[in-house]
C-alpha atoms as a PDB file:
ATOM      1  CA  MET A   1      -0.021  -0.014  -0.149  1.00  0.00           C
ATOM      2  CA  LYS A   2       1.149   3.062  -1.048  1.00  0.00           C
ATOM      3  CA  PRO A   3       1.421   5.598   2.205  1.00  0.00           C
ATOM      4  CA  TYR A   4      -0.439   9.097   2.184  1.00  0.00           C
ATOM      5  CA  ASN A   5       0.953  12.015   3.574  1.00  0.00           C
ATOM      6  CA  LYS A   6       4.024  10.403   5.062  1.00  0.00           C
ATOM      7  CA  LYS A   7       5.930  12.071   7.642  1.00  0.00           C
ATOM      8  CA  PRO A   8       9.570  11.430   8.293  1.00  0.00           C
ATOM      9  CA  TYR A   9       9.077  11.691  12.003  1.00  0.00           C
ATOM     10  CA  ASP A  10       5.696   9.769  12.122  1.00  0.00           C
ATOM     11  CA  ASN A  11       6.296   6.108  13.081  1.00  0.00           C
ATOM     12  CA  ASN A  12       2.492   5.166  14.156  1.00  0.00           C
ATOM     13  CA  ARG A  13       1.651   4.243  10.893  1.00  0.00           C
ATOM     14  CA  GLN A  14      -1.422   6.311  10.698  1.00  0.00           C
ATOM     15  CA  TYR A  15      -0.104   7.716   7.552  1.00  0.00           C
ATOM     16  CA  ASP A  16      -1.320   4.391   5.753  1.00  0.00           C
ATOM     17  CA  LYS A  17      -4.853   5.054   6.158  1.00  0.00           C
ATOM     18  CA  LYS A  18      -6.756   6.692   3.053  1.00  0.00           C
ATOM     19  CA  PRO A  19      -7.896  10.317   3.164  1.00  0.00           C
ATOM     20  CA  TYR A  20     -11.333  11.254   4.347  1.00  0.00           C
ATOM     21  CA  VAL A  21     -13.810  11.350   1.813  1.00  0.00           C
ATOM     22  CA  LYS A  22     -17.205  13.173   2.727  1.00  0.00           C
ATOM     23  CA  ARG A  23     -20.112  11.407   1.690  1.00  0.00           C
ATOM     24  CA  PRO A  24     -23.389  12.568   0.920  1.00  0.00           C
ATOM     25  CA  LYS A  25     -25.719  12.593   3.683  1.00  0.00           C
ATOM     26  CA  GLU A  26     -28.732  10.547   3.721  1.00  0.00           C
ATOM     27  CA  GLU A  27     -31.976  12.454   3.627  1.00  0.00           C
ATOM     28  CA  GLY A  28     -33.940   9.668   6.044  1.00  0.00           C
ATOM     29  CA  LEU A  29     -37.411   8.971   5.575  1.00  0.00           C
ATOM     30  CA  MET A  30     -38.711  11.146   3.295  1.00  0.00           C
ATOM     31  CA  VAL A  31     -42.278  10.989   1.187  1.00  0.00           C
ATOM     32  CA  ASN A  32     -42.738  13.089  -1.736  1.00  0.00           C
ATOM     33  CA  VAL A  33     -46.277  14.152  -2.059  1.00  0.00           C
ATOM     34  CA  ARG A  34     -47.657  14.152  -5.686  1.00  0.00           C
ATOM     35  CA  ASP A  35     -49.769  16.877  -7.212  1.00  0.00           C
ATOM     36  CA  GLY A  36     -53.370  16.108  -6.819  1.00  0.00           C
ATOM     37  CA  GLU A  37     -52.578  13.211  -4.274  1.00  0.00           C
ATOM     38  CA  PRO A  38     -54.709  12.918  -0.987  1.00  0.00           C
ATOM     39  CA  ILE A  39     -52.309  13.519   2.089  1.00  0.00           C
ATOM     40  CA  GLU A  40     -53.717  10.193   3.700  1.00  0.00           C
ATOM     41  CA  LYS A  41     -51.961   8.111   0.904  1.00  0.00           C
ATOM     42  CA  ALA A  42     -48.754  10.182   1.517  1.00  0.00           C
ATOM     43  CA  LEU A  43     -49.210   9.396   4.967  1.00  0.00           C
ATOM     44  CA  ARG A  44     -49.710   5.609   4.459  1.00  0.00           C
ATOM     45  CA  ARG A  45     -46.847   5.498   2.617  1.00  0.00           C
ATOM     46  CA  LEU A  46     -44.767   7.222   5.240  1.00  0.00           C
ATOM     47  CA  LYS A  47     -45.982   4.944   7.505  1.00  0.00           C
ATOM     48  CA  LYS A  48     -45.136   1.946   5.428  1.00  0.00           C
ATOM     49  CA  LYS A  49     -41.613   3.122   5.648  1.00  0.00           C
ATOM     50  CA  MET A  50     -41.461   3.491   9.019  1.00  0.00           C
ATOM     51  CA  ILE A  51     -42.682   0.026   9.573  1.00  0.00           C
ATOM     52  CA  ASN A  52     -39.965  -1.414   7.157  1.00  0.00           C
ATOM     53  CA  ASN A  53     -37.084   0.704   8.456  1.00  0.00           C
ATOM     54  CA  LYS A  54     -38.157  -0.486  12.175  1.00  0.00           C
ATOM     55  CA  VAL A  55     -38.157   3.038  13.418  1.00  0.00           C
ATOM     56  CA  LEU A  56     -41.241   3.142  15.802  1.00  0.00           C
ATOM     57  CA  GLU A  57     -39.613  -0.543  17.129  1.00  0.00           C
ATOM     58  CA  THR A  58     -36.440   1.120  17.957  1.00  0.00           C
ATOM     59  CA  TYR A  59     -38.052   4.056  19.535  1.00  0.00           C
ATOM     60  CA  ARG A  60     -40.139   1.572  21.510  1.00  0.00           C
ATOM     61  CA  ASP A  61     -37.283  -0.054  22.647  1.00  0.00           C
ATOM     62  CA  LYS A  62     -35.335   2.803  23.531  1.00  0.00           C
ATOM     63  CA  GLN A  63     -38.185   4.555  25.545  1.00  0.00           C
ATOM     64  CA  PHE A  64     -36.574   2.606  28.910  1.00  0.00           C
ATOM     65  CA  TYR A  65     -33.751   0.713  30.149  1.00  0.00           C
ATOM     66  CA  VAL A  66     -33.945  -3.143  30.006  1.00  0.00           C
ATOM     67  CA  LYS A  67     -31.195  -4.941  31.854  1.00  0.00           C
ATOM     68  CA  PRO A  68     -29.076  -7.391  29.667  1.00  0.00           C
ATOM     69  CA  SER A  69     -31.005 -10.285  32.019  1.00  0.00           C
ATOM     70  CA  GLU A  70     -34.272  -9.102  30.803  1.00  0.00           C
ATOM     71  CA  LYS A  71     -33.267  -9.008  27.244  1.00  0.00           C
ATOM     72  CA  ARG A  72     -31.893 -12.890  27.654  1.00  0.00           C
ATOM     73  CA  LYS A  73     -35.313 -13.702  29.353  1.00  0.00           C
ATOM     74  CA  GLN A  74     -37.680 -12.161  26.573  1.00  0.00           C
ATOM     75  CA  ALA A  75     -35.220 -13.501  23.895  1.00  0.00           C
ATOM     76  CA  LYS A  76     -35.395 -16.948  25.251  1.00  0.00           C
ATOM     77  CA  ALA A  77     -39.237 -16.872  25.655  1.00  0.00           C
ATOM     78  CA  ALA A  78     -39.496 -15.416  22.117  1.00  0.00           C
ATOM     79  CA  ALA A  79     -37.203 -18.481  20.998  1.00  0.00           C
ATOM     80  CA  VAL A  80     -39.559 -20.946  22.834  1.00  0.00           C
ATOM     81  CA  ALA A  81     -42.830 -19.005  21.493  1.00  0.00           C
ATOM     82  CA  ARG A  82     -41.137 -19.717  17.976  1.00  0.00           C
ATOM     83  CA  TRP A  83     -40.445 -23.136  18.523  1.00  0.00           C
ATOM     84  CA  LYS A  84     -44.040 -24.169  19.897  1.00  0.00           C
ATOM     85  CA  LYS A  85     -45.335 -22.420  16.958  1.00  0.00           C
ATOM     86  CA  GLN A  86     -43.273 -24.681  14.583  1.00  0.00           C
ATOM     87  CA  GLN A  87     -43.954 -27.926  16.536  1.00  0.00           C
ATOM     88  CA  LYS A  88     -47.737 -26.928  16.343  1.00  0.00           C
ATOM     89  CA  LYS A  89     -47.325 -26.501  12.490  1.00  0.00           C
ATOM     90  CA  ASN A  90     -45.300 -29.570  11.985  1.00  0.00           C
ATOM     91  CA  GLU A  91     -47.913 -31.620  14.136  1.00  0.00           C
ATOM     92  CA  ASP A  92     -50.946 -30.489  11.952  1.00  0.00           C
ATOM     93  CA  ARG A  93     -49.015 -31.700   8.733  1.00  0.00           C
ATOM     94  CA  TYR A  94     -48.897 -35.298   9.693  1.00  0.00           C
END
């Protein structure tokens, strides 16, 4: 790798990193309302985008602090529920 901005006294290899490139900032969730389009339809599209990006889910998760032990307990309960659902589905097949 060709060194960038190498200084003769700099021995900590930070000069091997590529220079910072400024990237365009993302707009976030944005819905353009078309001409003559009802606002309800645009709101529905916004809601769908928010659901797909899990905005509300992360908001609800971060509203309150949940202890790591509680997170593990909830994850285990969800796994058991999924397993029971799968067992029930398989039982109905045969």
